[in-house]
Amino acid sequence: QVQLMESGGGLVQAGGSLSLTCTASGNILRISVMGWYRQAPGKQRELVAFITKSGTSFYQDSVKGRFTISRDKNTVYLQMSSLNPEDTAVYYCYNQYFDTNYWGQGTQVTVSS
């Protein structure tokens, strides 16, 4: 098993910045692709960004140029800037090992207008 512990998030005004951190522990052999999903009220969970062990990253179009994902071994970071109210959601860290996803508990990000 892999456990994911998130930190960061909170309330910020539009145009501001926030950082999220997620540290994986447990069976480190199963720590592979790590990233973030988010789920806004009444909407489906959507992929925000992910990063592989080799450092290859992917971003959802709506966050390109505003969010930066990075990684240090088993910890993944999401630096969010130029936030807008549409970024308000619960952000979930995940680790994908082949066809298994491990999830964090989620952290709330609220952007006020």
PDB file of N, CA and C in Angstrom:
ATOM      1  N   GLN A   1       0.826  -1.196   0.000  1.00  0.00           N
ATOM      2  CA  GLN A   1       0.000   0.000   0.000  1.00  0.00           C
ATOM      3  C   GLN A   1       0.865   1.254   0.000  1.00  0.00           C
ATOM      4  N   VAL A   2       0.270   2.323  -0.479  1.00  0.00           N
ATOM      5  CA  VAL A   2       0.918   3.635  -0.497  1.00  0.00           C
ATOM      6  C   VAL A   2      -0.003   4.615   0.211  1.00  0.00           C
ATOM      7  N   GLN A   3       0.570   5.375   1.123  1.00  0.00           N
ATOM      8  CA  GLN A   3      -0.183   6.418   1.807  1.00  0.00           C
ATOM      9  C   GLN A   3       0.288   7.779   1.297  1.00  0.00           C
ATOM     10  N   LEU A   4      -0.677   8.682   1.115  1.00  0.00           N
ATOM     11  CA  LEU A   4      -0.383  10.015   0.606  1.00  0.00           C
ATOM     12  C   LEU A   4      -0.843  11.052   1.618  1.00  0.00           C
ATOM     13  N   MET A   5       0.058  11.938   1.985  1.00  0.00           N
ATOM     14  CA  MET A   5      -0.258  12.981   2.959  1.00  0.00           C
ATOM     15  C   MET A   5      -0.118  14.331   2.282  1.00  0.00           C
ATOM     16  N   GLU A   6      -1.228  15.061   2.229  1.00  0.00           N
ATOM     17  CA  GLU A   6      -1.250  16.365   1.571  1.00  0.00           C
ATOM     18  C   GLU A   6      -1.153  17.489   2.593  1.00  0.00           C
ATOM     19  N   SER A   7      -0.651  18.615   2.145  1.00  0.00           N
ATOM     20  CA  SER A   7      -0.663  19.837   2.938  1.00  0.00           C
ATOM     21  C   SER A   7      -0.734  21.023   1.986  1.00  0.00           C
ATOM     22  N   GLY A   8      -1.105  22.148   2.551  1.00  0.00           N
ATOM     23  CA  GLY A   8      -1.262  23.349   1.741  1.00  0.00           C
ATOM     24  C   GLY A   8      -2.727  23.612   1.489  1.00  0.00           C
ATOM     25  N   GLY A   9      -3.013  24.431   0.531  1.00  0.00           N
ATOM     26  CA  GLY A   9      -4.381  24.814   0.249  1.00  0.00           C
ATOM     27  C   GLY A   9      -4.821  25.940   1.163  1.00  0.00           C
ATOM     28  N   GLY A  10      -6.098  26.286   1.059  1.00  0.00           N
ATOM     29  CA  GLY A  10      -6.633  27.353   1.881  1.00  0.00           C
ATOM     30  C   GLY A  10      -7.425  28.338   1.051  1.00  0.00           C
ATOM     31  N   LEU A  11      -7.525  29.539   1.569  1.00  0.00           N
ATOM     32  CA  LEU A  11      -8.312  30.599   0.933  1.00  0.00           C
ATOM     33  C   LEU A  11      -7.380  31.679   0.402  1.00  0.00           C
ATOM     34  N   VAL A  12      -7.632  32.090  -0.838  1.00  0.00           N
ATOM     35  CA  VAL A  12      -6.803  33.118  -1.453  1.00  0.00           C
ATOM     36  C   VAL A  12      -7.672  33.979  -2.351  1.00  0.00           C
ATOM     37  N   GLN A  13      -7.279  35.213  -2.534  1.00  0.00           N
ATOM     38  CA  GLN A  13      -8.010  36.083  -3.446  1.00  0.00           C
ATOM     39  C   GLN A  13      -7.611  35.802  -4.887  1.00  0.00           C
ATOM     40  N   ALA A  14      -8.494  36.127  -5.799  1.00  0.00           N
ATOM     41  CA  ALA A  14      -8.210  35.946  -7.225  1.00  0.00           C
ATOM     42  C   ALA A  14      -6.920  36.669  -7.586  1.00  0.00           C
ATOM     43  N   GLY A  15      -6.117  35.993  -8.369  1.00  0.00           N
ATOM     44  CA  GLY A  15      -4.819  36.534  -8.748  1.00  0.00           C
ATOM     45  C   GLY A  15      -3.692  36.114  -7.832  1.00  0.00           C
ATOM     46  N   GLY A  16      -4.035  35.498  -6.727  1.00  0.00           N
ATOM     47  CA  GLY A  16      -3.042  35.089  -5.756  1.00  0.00           C
ATOM     48  C   GLY A  16      -2.432  33.730  -6.062  1.00  0.00           C
ATOM     49  N   SER A  17      -1.611  33.262  -5.121  1.00  0.00           N
ATOM     50  CA  SER A  17      -0.876  32.008  -5.289  1.00  0.00           C
ATOM     51  C   SER A  17      -1.032  31.115  -4.069  1.00  0.00           C
ATOM     52  N   LEU A  18      -0.940  29.826  -4.311  1.00  0.00           N
ATOM     53  CA  LEU A  18      -0.952  28.821  -3.249  1.00  0.00           C
ATOM     54  C   LEU A  18      -0.056  27.667  -3.672  1.00  0.00           C
ATOM     55  N   SER A  19       0.427  26.939  -2.678  1.00  0.00           N
ATOM     56  CA  SER A  19       1.226  25.754  -2.956  1.00  0.00           C
ATOM     57  C   SER A  19       0.636  24.549  -2.246  1.00  0.00           C
ATOM     58  N   LEU A  20       0.666  23.423  -2.912  1.00  0.00           N
ATOM     59  CA  LEU A  20       0.247  22.150  -2.339  1.00  0.00           C
ATOM     60  C   LEU A  20       1.442  21.208  -2.316  1.00  0.00           C
ATOM     61  N   THR A  21       1.498  20.389  -1.269  1.00  0.00           N
ATOM     62  CA  THR A  21       2.551  19.395  -1.126  1.00  0.00           C
ATOM     63  C   THR A  21       1.924  18.052  -0.810  1.00  0.00           C
ATOM     64  N   CYS A  22       2.482  16.999  -1.370  1.00  0.00           N
ATOM     65  CA  CYS A  22       1.998  15.652  -1.112  1.00  0.00           C
ATOM     66  C   CYS A  22       3.193  14.719  -0.978  1.00  0.00           C
ATOM     67  N   THR A  23       3.249  14.004   0.140  1.00  0.00           N
ATOM     68  CA  THR A  23       4.341  13.067   0.389  1.00  0.00           C
ATOM     69  C   THR A  23       3.806  11.653   0.435  1.00  0.00           C
ATOM     70  N   ALA A  24       4.427  10.777  -0.319  1.00  0.00           N
ATOM     71  CA  ALA A  24       4.033   9.374  -0.356  1.00  0.00           C
ATOM     72  C   ALA A  24       4.905   8.566   0.584  1.00  0.00           C
ATOM     73  N   SER A  25       4.286   7.582   1.204  1.00  0.00           N
ATOM     74  CA  SER A  25       5.009   6.678   2.090  1.00  0.00           C
ATOM     75  C   SER A  25       4.407   5.282   1.950  1.00  0.00           C
ATOM     76  N   GLY A  26       5.033   4.330   2.614  1.00  0.00           N
ATOM     77  CA  GLY A  26       4.560   2.956   2.526  1.00  0.00           C
ATOM     78  C   GLY A  26       5.426   2.148   1.600  1.00  0.00           C
ATOM     79  N   ASN A  27       4.799   1.423   0.688  1.00  0.00           N
ATOM     80  CA  ASN A  27       5.529   0.577  -0.248  1.00  0.00           C
ATOM     81  C   ASN A  27       6.121   1.467  -1.353  1.00  0.00           C
ATOM     82  N   ILE A  28       7.356   1.866  -1.173  1.00  0.00           N
ATOM     83  CA  ILE A  28       7.952   2.839  -2.105  1.00  0.00           C
ATOM     84  C   ILE A  28       8.159   2.240  -3.493  1.00  0.00           C
ATOM     85  N   LEU A  29       8.131   0.928  -3.580  1.00  0.00           N
ATOM     86  CA  LEU A  29       8.255   0.306  -4.897  1.00  0.00           C
ATOM     87  C   LEU A  29       7.037   0.584  -5.761  1.00  0.00           C
ATOM     88  N   ARG A  30       5.933   0.973  -5.109  1.00  0.00           N
ATOM     89  CA  ARG A  30       4.700   1.265  -5.851  1.00  0.00           C
ATOM     90  C   ARG A  30       4.520   2.770  -6.081  1.00  0.00           C
ATOM     91  N   ILE A  31       5.508   3.546  -5.764  1.00  0.00           N
ATOM     92  CA  ILE A  31       5.412   4.992  -6.007  1.00  0.00           C
ATOM     93  C   ILE A  31       5.916   5.261  -7.407  1.00  0.00           C
ATOM     94  N   SER A  32       5.028   5.749  -8.265  1.00  0.00           N
ATOM     95  CA  SER A  32       5.393   5.918  -9.668  1.00  0.00           C
ATOM     96  C   SER A  32       4.956   7.303 -10.138  1.00  0.00           C
ATOM     97  N   VAL A  33       3.974   7.361 -11.021  1.00  0.00           N
ATOM     98  CA  VAL A  33       3.454   8.648 -11.477  1.00  0.00           C
ATOM     99  C   VAL A  33       2.689   9.296 -10.334  1.00  0.00           C
ATOM    100  N   MET A  34       2.977  10.547 -10.071  1.00  0.00           N
ATOM    101  CA  MET A  34       2.266  11.293  -9.024  1.00  0.00           C
ATOM    102  C   MET A  34       1.682  12.570  -9.610  1.00  0.00           C
ATOM    103  N   GLY A  35       0.585  13.004  -9.026  1.00  0.00           N
ATOM    104  CA  GLY A  35      -0.028  14.220  -9.546  1.00  0.00           C
ATOM    105  C   GLY A  35      -1.208  14.659  -8.724  1.00  0.00           C
ATOM    106  N   TRP A  36      -2.018  15.497  -9.371  1.00  0.00           N
ATOM    107  CA  TRP A  36      -3.153  16.094  -8.686  1.00  0.00           C
ATOM    108  C   TRP A  36      -4.402  16.061  -9.564  1.00  0.00           C
ATOM    109  N   TYR A  37      -5.504  15.707  -8.930  1.00  0.00           N
ATOM    110  CA  TYR A  37      -6.827  15.874  -9.491  1.00  0.00           C
ATOM    111  C   TYR A  37      -7.529  16.940  -8.658  1.00  0.00           C
ATOM    112  N   ARG A  38      -8.636  17.438  -9.178  1.00  0.00           N
ATOM    113  CA  ARG A  38      -9.468  18.336  -8.388  1.00  0.00           C
ATOM    114  C   ARG A  38     -10.935  18.075  -8.686  1.00  0.00           C
ATOM    115  N   GLN A  39     -11.768  18.414  -7.706  1.00  0.00           N
ATOM    116  CA  GLN A  39     -13.207  18.237  -7.870  1.00  0.00           C
ATOM    117  C   GLN A  39     -13.915  19.442  -7.293  1.00  0.00           C
ATOM    118  N   ALA A  40     -14.594  20.163  -8.166  1.00  0.00           N
ATOM    119  CA  ALA A  40     -15.392  21.305  -7.750  1.00  0.00           C
ATOM    120  C   ALA A  40     -16.807  20.840  -7.413  1.00  0.00           C
ATOM    121  N   PRO A  41     -17.533  21.597  -6.619  1.00  0.00           N
ATOM    122  CA  PRO A  41     -18.902  21.197  -6.251  1.00  0.00           C
ATOM    123  C   PRO A  41     -19.767  20.967  -7.483  1.00  0.00           C
ATOM    124  N   GLY A  42     -20.418  19.820  -7.512  1.00  0.00           N
ATOM    125  CA  GLY A  42     -21.314  19.495  -8.613  1.00  0.00           C
ATOM    126  C   GLY A  42     -20.626  19.082  -9.894  1.00  0.00           C
ATOM    127  N   LYS A  43     -19.317  18.931  -9.865  1.00  0.00           N
ATOM    128  CA  LYS A  43     -18.580  18.562 -11.076  1.00  0.00           C
ATOM    129  C   LYS A  43     -17.813  17.271 -10.859  1.00  0.00           C
ATOM    130  N   GLN A  44     -17.415  16.662 -11.972  1.00  0.00           N
ATOM    131  CA  GLN A  44     -16.619  15.454 -11.879  1.00  0.00           C
ATOM    132  C   GLN A  44     -15.180  15.779 -11.517  1.00  0.00           C
ATOM    133  N   ARG A  45     -14.528  14.799 -10.940  1.00  0.00           N
ATOM    134  CA  ARG A  45     -13.107  14.952 -10.639  1.00  0.00           C
ATOM    135  C   ARG A  45     -12.341  15.042 -11.955  1.00  0.00           C
ATOM    136  N   GLU A  46     -11.395  15.974 -12.030  1.00  0.00           N
ATOM    137  CA  GLU A  46     -10.633  16.169 -13.249  1.00  0.00           C
ATOM    138  C   GLU A  46      -9.138  16.217 -12.956  1.00  0.00           C
ATOM    139  N   LEU A  47      -8.377  15.746 -13.931  1.00  0.00           N
ATOM    140  CA  LEU A  47      -6.926  15.742 -13.799  1.00  0.00           C
ATOM    141  C   LEU A  47      -6.401  17.167 -13.934  1.00  0.00           C
ATOM    142  N   VAL A  48      -5.519  17.547 -13.035  1.00  0.00           N
ATOM    143  CA  VAL A  48      -4.893  18.863 -13.098  1.00  0.00           C
ATOM    144  C   VAL A  48      -3.511  18.750 -13.715  1.00  0.00           C
ATOM    145  N   ALA A  49      -2.680  17.889 -13.146  1.00  0.00           N
ATOM    146  CA  ALA A  49      -1.321  17.725 -13.636  1.00  0.00           C
ATOM    147  C   ALA A  49      -0.740  16.454 -13.048  1.00  0.00           C
ATOM    148  N   PHE A  50       0.259  15.899 -13.763  1.00  0.00           N
ATOM    149  CA  PHE A  50       0.994  14.790 -13.194  1.00  0.00           C
ATOM    150  C   PHE A  50       2.451  14.875 -13.611  1.00  0.00           C
ATOM    151  N   ILE A  51       3.279  14.124 -12.914  1.00  0.00           N
ATOM    152  CA  ILE A  51       4.701  14.105 -13.218  1.00  0.00           C
ATOM    153  C   ILE A  51       5.222  12.686 -13.001  1.00  0.00           C
ATOM    154  N   THR A  52       6.042  12.228 -13.922  1.00  0.00           N
ATOM    155  CA  THR A  52       6.593  10.877 -13.822  1.00  0.00           C
ATOM    156  C   THR A  52       7.850  10.873 -12.963  1.00  0.00           C
ATOM    157  N   LYS A  53       8.374   9.691 -12.696  1.00  0.00           N
ATOM    158  CA  LYS A  53       9.596   9.587 -11.898  1.00  0.00           C
ATOM    159  C   LYS A  53      10.779  10.228 -12.617  1.00  0.00           C
ATOM    160  N   SER A  54      10.730  10.232 -13.941  1.00  0.00           N
ATOM    161  CA  SER A  54      11.827  10.829 -14.711  1.00  0.00           C
ATOM    162  C   SER A  54      11.649  12.331 -14.895  1.00  0.00           C
ATOM    163  N   GLY A  55      10.519  12.865 -14.438  1.00  0.00           N
ATOM    164  CA  GLY A  55      10.317  14.303 -14.494  1.00  0.00           C
ATOM    165  C   GLY A  55       9.461  14.808 -15.631  1.00  0.00           C
ATOM    166  N   THR A  56       8.945  13.913 -16.451  1.00  0.00           N
ATOM    167  CA  THR A  56       8.030  14.342 -17.510  1.00  0.00           C
ATOM    168  C   THR A  56       6.709  14.771 -16.894  1.00  0.00           C
ATOM    169  N   SER A  57       6.218  15.929 -17.302  1.00  0.00           N
ATOM    170  CA  SER A  57       4.998  16.467 -16.701  1.00  0.00           C
ATOM    171  C   SER A  57       3.919  16.701 -17.749  1.00  0.00           C
ATOM    172  N   PHE A  58       2.707  16.758 -17.259  1.00  0.00           N
ATOM    173  CA  PHE A  58       1.535  17.003 -18.097  1.00  0.00           C
ATOM    174  C   PHE A  58       0.619  17.945 -17.339  1.00  0.00           C
ATOM    175  N   TYR A  59      -0.007  18.870 -18.072  1.00  0.00           N
ATOM    176  CA  TYR A  59      -0.939  19.809 -17.461  1.00  0.00           C
ATOM    177  C   TYR A  59      -2.253  19.849 -18.228  1.00  0.00           C
ATOM    178  N   GLN A  60      -3.330  20.006 -17.477  1.00  0.00           N
ATOM    179  CA  GLN A  60      -4.610  20.299 -18.108  1.00  0.00           C
ATOM    180  C   GLN A  60      -4.492  21.676 -18.767  1.00  0.00           C
ATOM    181  N   ASP A  61      -5.166  21.844 -19.896  1.00  0.00           N
ATOM    182  CA  ASP A  61      -5.039  23.098 -20.638  1.00  0.00           C
ATOM    183  C   ASP A  61      -5.351  24.331 -19.793  1.00  0.00           C
ATOM    184  N   SER A  62      -6.349  24.238 -18.940  1.00  0.00           N
ATOM    185  CA  SER A  62      -6.798  25.414 -18.202  1.00  0.00           C
ATOM    186  C   SER A  62      -5.788  25.904 -17.166  1.00  0.00           C
ATOM    187  N   VAL A  63      -4.799  25.088 -16.835  1.00  0.00           N
ATOM    188  CA  VAL A  63      -3.816  25.495 -15.825  1.00  0.00           C
ATOM    189  C   VAL A  63      -2.435  25.719 -16.407  1.00  0.00           C
ATOM    190  N   LYS A  64      -2.249  25.429 -17.689  1.00  0.00           N
ATOM    191  CA  LYS A  64      -0.943  25.630 -18.309  1.00  0.00           C
ATOM    192  C   LYS A  64      -0.507  27.084 -18.178  1.00  0.00           C
ATOM    193  N   GLY A  65       0.736  27.266 -17.801  1.00  0.00           N
ATOM    194  CA  GLY A  65       1.267  28.614 -17.634  1.00  0.00           C
ATOM    195  C   GLY A  65       0.973  29.231 -16.281  1.00  0.00           C
ATOM    196  N   ARG A  66       0.095  28.607 -15.518  1.00  0.00           N
ATOM    197  CA  ARG A  66      -0.251  29.135 -14.186  1.00  0.00           C
ATOM    198  C   ARG A  66       0.179  28.189 -13.062  1.00  0.00           C
ATOM    199  N   PHE A  67       0.110  26.902 -13.327  1.00  0.00           N
ATOM    200  CA  PHE A  67       0.469  25.906 -12.319  1.00  0.00           C
ATOM    201  C   PHE A  67       1.788  25.252 -12.718  1.00  0.00           C
ATOM    202  N   THR A  68       2.571  24.899 -11.709  1.00  0.00           N
ATOM    203  CA  THR A  68       3.812  24.176 -11.948  1.00  0.00           C
ATOM    204  C   THR A  68       3.884  22.986 -11.013  1.00  0.00           C
ATOM    205  N   ILE A  69       4.076  21.814 -11.600  1.00  0.00           N
ATOM    206  CA  ILE A  69       4.227  20.603 -10.804  1.00  0.00           C
ATOM    207  C   ILE A  69       5.704  20.239 -10.776  1.00  0.00           C
ATOM    208  N   SER A  70       6.148  19.805  -9.611  1.00  0.00           N
ATOM    209  CA  SER A  70       7.533  19.375  -9.465  1.00  0.00           C
ATOM    210  C   SER A  70       7.576  18.216  -8.490  1.00  0.00           C
ATOM    211  N   ARG A  71       8.746  17.612  -8.420  1.00  0.00           N
ATOM    212  CA  ARG A  71       8.833  16.384  -7.628  1.00  0.00           C
ATOM    213  C   ARG A  71      10.239  16.245  -7.063  1.00  0.00           C
ATOM    214  N   ASP A  72      10.276  15.752  -5.858  1.00  0.00           N
ATOM    215  CA  ASP A  72      11.542  15.403  -5.211  1.00  0.00           C
ATOM    216  C   ASP A  72      11.358  14.028  -4.610  1.00  0.00           C
ATOM    217  N   LYS A  73      11.818  13.024  -5.318  1.00  0.00           N
ATOM    218  CA  LYS A  73      11.659  11.616  -4.926  1.00  0.00           C
ATOM    219  C   LYS A  73      10.181  11.309  -4.697  1.00  0.00           C
ATOM    220  N   ASN A  74       9.768  11.133  -3.454  1.00  0.00           N
ATOM    221  CA  ASN A  74       8.409  10.697  -3.168  1.00  0.00           C
ATOM    222  C   ASN A  74       7.495  11.839  -2.736  1.00  0.00           C
ATOM    223  N   THR A  75       7.913  13.063  -2.987  1.00  0.00           N
ATOM    224  CA  THR A  75       7.094  14.223  -2.671  1.00  0.00           C
ATOM    225  C   THR A  75       6.811  15.000  -3.949  1.00  0.00           C
ATOM    226  N   VAL A  76       5.545  15.351  -4.125  1.00  0.00           N
ATOM    227  CA  VAL A  76       5.155  16.122  -5.301  1.00  0.00           C
ATOM    228  C   VAL A  76       4.591  17.459  -4.841  1.00  0.00           C
ATOM    229  N   TYR A  77       4.893  18.484  -5.603  1.00  0.00           N
ATOM    230  CA  TYR A  77       4.486  19.836  -5.281  1.00  0.00           C
ATOM    231  C   TYR A  77       3.644  20.395  -6.424  1.00  0.00           C
ATOM    232  N   LEU A  78       2.694  21.241  -6.060  1.00  0.00           N
ATOM    233  CA  LEU A  78       1.920  21.964  -7.070  1.00  0.00           C
ATOM    234  C   LEU A  78       1.932  23.431  -6.686  1.00  0.00           C
ATOM    235  N   GLN A  79       2.629  24.219  -7.465  1.00  0.00           N
ATOM    236  CA  GLN A  79       2.673  25.662  -7.257  1.00  0.00           C
ATOM    237  C   GLN A  79       1.615  26.276  -8.160  1.00  0.00           C
ATOM    238  N   MET A  80       0.670  26.980  -7.554  1.00  0.00           N
ATOM    239  CA  MET A  80      -0.449  27.547  -8.298  1.00  0.00           C
ATOM    240  C   MET A  80      -0.381  29.070  -8.219  1.00  0.00           C
ATOM    241  N   SER A  81      -0.436  29.713  -9.354  1.00  0.00           N
ATOM    242  CA  SER A  81      -0.416  31.167  -9.386  1.00  0.00           C
ATOM    243  C   SER A  81      -1.528  31.668 -10.302  1.00  0.00           C
ATOM    244  N   SER A  82      -1.748  32.966 -10.262  1.00  0.00           N
ATOM    245  CA  SER A  82      -2.832  33.583 -11.046  1.00  0.00           C
ATOM    246  C   SER A  82      -4.135  32.821 -10.866  1.00  0.00           C
ATOM    247  N   LEU A  83      -4.416  32.495  -9.624  1.00  0.00           N
ATOM    248  CA  LEU A  83      -5.618  31.708  -9.335  1.00  0.00           C
ATOM    249  C   LEU A  83      -6.880  32.511  -9.626  1.00  0.00           C
ATOM    250  N   ASN A  84      -7.904  31.813 -10.081  1.00  0.00           N
ATOM    251  CA  ASN A  84      -9.196  32.441 -10.311  1.00  0.00           C
ATOM    252  C   ASN A  84     -10.284  31.595  -9.656  1.00  0.00           C
ATOM    253  N   PRO A  85     -11.476  32.140  -9.503  1.00  0.00           N
ATOM    254  CA  PRO A  85     -12.536  31.398  -8.788  1.00  0.00           C
ATOM    255  C   PRO A  85     -12.840  30.034  -9.395  1.00  0.00           C
ATOM    256  N   GLU A  86     -12.576  29.846 -10.681  1.00  0.00           N
ATOM    257  CA  GLU A  86     -12.823  28.551 -11.312  1.00  0.00           C
ATOM    258  C   GLU A  86     -11.843  27.479 -10.838  1.00  0.00           C
ATOM    259  N   ASP A  87     -10.801  27.877 -10.147  1.00  0.00           N
ATOM    260  CA  ASP A  87      -9.852  26.917  -9.591  1.00  0.00           C
ATOM    261  C   ASP A  87     -10.306  26.403  -8.226  1.00  0.00           C
ATOM    262  N   THR A  88     -11.381  26.941  -7.702  1.00  0.00           N
ATOM    263  CA  THR A  88     -11.903  26.493  -6.420  1.00  0.00           C
ATOM    264  C   THR A  88     -12.352  25.040  -6.509  1.00  0.00           C
ATOM    265  N   ALA A  89     -11.802  24.221  -5.630  1.00  0.00           N
ATOM    266  CA  ALA A  89     -12.100  22.786  -5.656  1.00  0.00           C
ATOM    267  C   ALA A  89     -11.387  22.106  -4.495  1.00  0.00           C
ATOM    268  N   VAL A  90     -11.730  20.849  -4.290  1.00  0.00           N
ATOM    269  CA  VAL A  90     -10.917  19.997  -3.426  1.00  0.00           C
ATOM    270  C   VAL A  90      -9.856  19.361  -4.313  1.00  0.00           C
ATOM    271  N   TYR A  91      -8.624  19.507  -3.926  1.00  0.00           N
ATOM    272  CA  TYR A  91      -7.505  18.981  -4.707  1.00  0.00           C
ATOM    273  C   TYR A  91      -7.020  17.679  -4.059  1.00  0.00           C
ATOM    274  N   TYR A  92      -6.918  16.657  -4.891  1.00  0.00           N
ATOM    275  CA  TYR A  92      -6.520  15.329  -4.427  1.00  0.00           C
ATOM    276  C   TYR A  92      -5.183  14.943  -5.039  1.00  0.00           C
ATOM    277  N   CYS A  93      -4.264  14.568  -4.190  1.00  0.00           N
ATOM    278  CA  CYS A  93      -3.013  14.003  -4.647  1.00  0.00           C
ATOM    279  C   CYS A  93      -3.241  12.542  -5.019  1.00  0.00           C
ATOM    280  N   TYR A  94      -2.539  12.066  -6.032  1.00  0.00           N
ATOM    281  CA  TYR A  94      -2.656  10.654  -6.356  1.00  0.00           C
ATOM    282  C   TYR A  94      -1.303  10.103  -6.776  1.00  0.00           C
ATOM    283  N   ASN A  95      -1.200   8.784  -6.650  1.00  0.00           N
ATOM    284  CA  ASN A  95      -0.042   8.035  -7.132  1.00  0.00           C
ATOM    285  C   ASN A  95      -0.577   6.884  -7.977  1.00  0.00           C
ATOM    286  N   GLN A  96      -0.084   6.798  -9.193  1.00  0.00           N
ATOM    287  CA  GLN A  96      -0.525   5.733 -10.083  1.00  0.00           C
ATOM    288  C   GLN A  96       0.576   4.708 -10.241  1.00  0.00           C
ATOM    289  N   TYR A  97       0.248   3.469  -9.919  1.00  0.00           N
ATOM    290  CA  TYR A  97       1.176   2.359 -10.106  1.00  0.00           C
ATOM    291  C   TYR A  97       0.465   1.346 -10.985  1.00  0.00           C
ATOM    292  N   PHE A  98       0.872   1.269 -12.227  1.00  0.00           N
ATOM    293  CA  PHE A  98       0.195   0.445 -13.236  1.00  0.00           C
ATOM    294  C   PHE A  98      -1.288   0.781 -13.226  1.00  0.00           C
ATOM    295  N   ASP A  99      -2.180  -0.143 -12.933  1.00  0.00           N
ATOM    296  CA  ASP A  99      -3.612   0.139 -13.006  1.00  0.00           C
ATOM    297  C   ASP A  99      -4.212   0.451 -11.645  1.00  0.00           C
ATOM    298  N   THR A 100      -3.380   0.783 -10.684  1.00  0.00           N
ATOM    299  CA  THR A 100      -3.867   1.100  -9.339  1.00  0.00           C
ATOM    300  C   THR A 100      -3.572   2.554  -9.009  1.00  0.00           C
ATOM    301  N   ASN A 101      -4.594   3.271  -8.548  1.00  0.00           N
ATOM    302  CA  ASN A 101      -4.424   4.638  -8.084  1.00  0.00           C
ATOM    303  C   ASN A 101      -4.571   4.696  -6.570  1.00  0.00           C
ATOM    304  N   TYR A 102      -3.657   5.386  -5.938  1.00  0.00           N
ATOM    305  CA  TYR A 102      -3.743   5.664  -4.511  1.00  0.00           C
ATOM    306  C   TYR A 102      -4.071   7.146  -4.368  1.00  0.00           C
ATOM    307  N   TRP A 103      -4.896   7.473  -3.378  1.00  0.00           N
ATOM    308  CA  TRP A 103      -5.405   8.838  -3.238  1.00  0.00           C
ATOM    309  C   TRP A 103      -5.110   9.422  -1.871  1.00  0.00           C
ATOM    310  N   GLY A 104      -4.869  10.728  -1.859  1.00  0.00           N
ATOM    311  CA  GLY A 104      -4.816  11.463  -0.620  1.00  0.00           C
ATOM    312  C   GLY A 104      -6.223  11.801  -0.152  1.00  0.00           C
ATOM    313  N   GLN A 105      -6.307  12.441   0.998  1.00  0.00           N
ATOM    314  CA  GLN A 105      -7.615  12.737   1.580  1.00  0.00           C
ATOM    315  C   GLN A 105      -8.263  13.975   0.968  1.00  0.00           C
ATOM    316  N   GLY A 106      -7.488  14.756   0.266  1.00  0.00           N
ATOM    317  CA  GLY A 106      -7.999  15.967  -0.370  1.00  0.00           C
ATOM    318  C   GLY A 106      -7.750  17.195   0.483  1.00  0.00           C
ATOM    319  N   THR A 107      -7.526  18.301  -0.180  1.00  0.00           N
ATOM    320  CA  THR A 107      -7.328  19.575   0.505  1.00  0.00           C
ATOM    321  C   THR A 107      -8.098  20.658  -0.245  1.00  0.00           C
ATOM    322  N   GLN A 108      -8.766  21.511   0.492  1.00  0.00           N
ATOM    323  CA  GLN A 108      -9.636  22.512  -0.116  1.00  0.00           C
ATOM    324  C   GLN A 108      -8.824  23.726  -0.573  1.00  0.00           C
ATOM    325  N   VAL A 109      -9.091  24.148  -1.792  1.00  0.00           N
ATOM    326  CA  VAL A 109      -8.560  25.400  -2.320  1.00  0.00           C
ATOM    327  C   VAL A 109      -9.756  26.273  -2.686  1.00  0.00           C
ATOM    328  N   THR A 110      -9.827  27.443  -2.092  1.00  0.00           N
ATOM    329  CA  THR A 110     -10.920  28.367  -2.359  1.00  0.00           C
ATOM    330  C   THR A 110     -10.350  29.688  -2.834  1.00  0.00           C
ATOM    331  N   VAL A 111     -10.814  30.128  -3.997  1.00  0.00           N
ATOM    332  CA  VAL A 111     -10.356  31.392  -4.567  1.00  0.00           C
ATOM    333  C   VAL A 111     -11.536  32.354  -4.584  1.00  0.00           C
ATOM    334  N   SER A 112     -11.387  33.445  -3.876  1.00  0.00           N
ATOM    335  CA  SER A 112     -12.466  34.434  -3.802  1.00  0.00           C
ATOM    336  C   SER A 112     -12.281  35.497  -4.878  1.00  0.00           C
ATOM    337  N   SER A 113     -13.404  35.991  -5.363  1.00  0.00           N
ATOM    338  CA  SER A 113     -13.347  36.997  -6.433  1.00  0.00           C
ATOM    339  C   SER A 113     -13.301  38.402  -5.870  1.00  0.00           C
TER     340      SER A 113
END
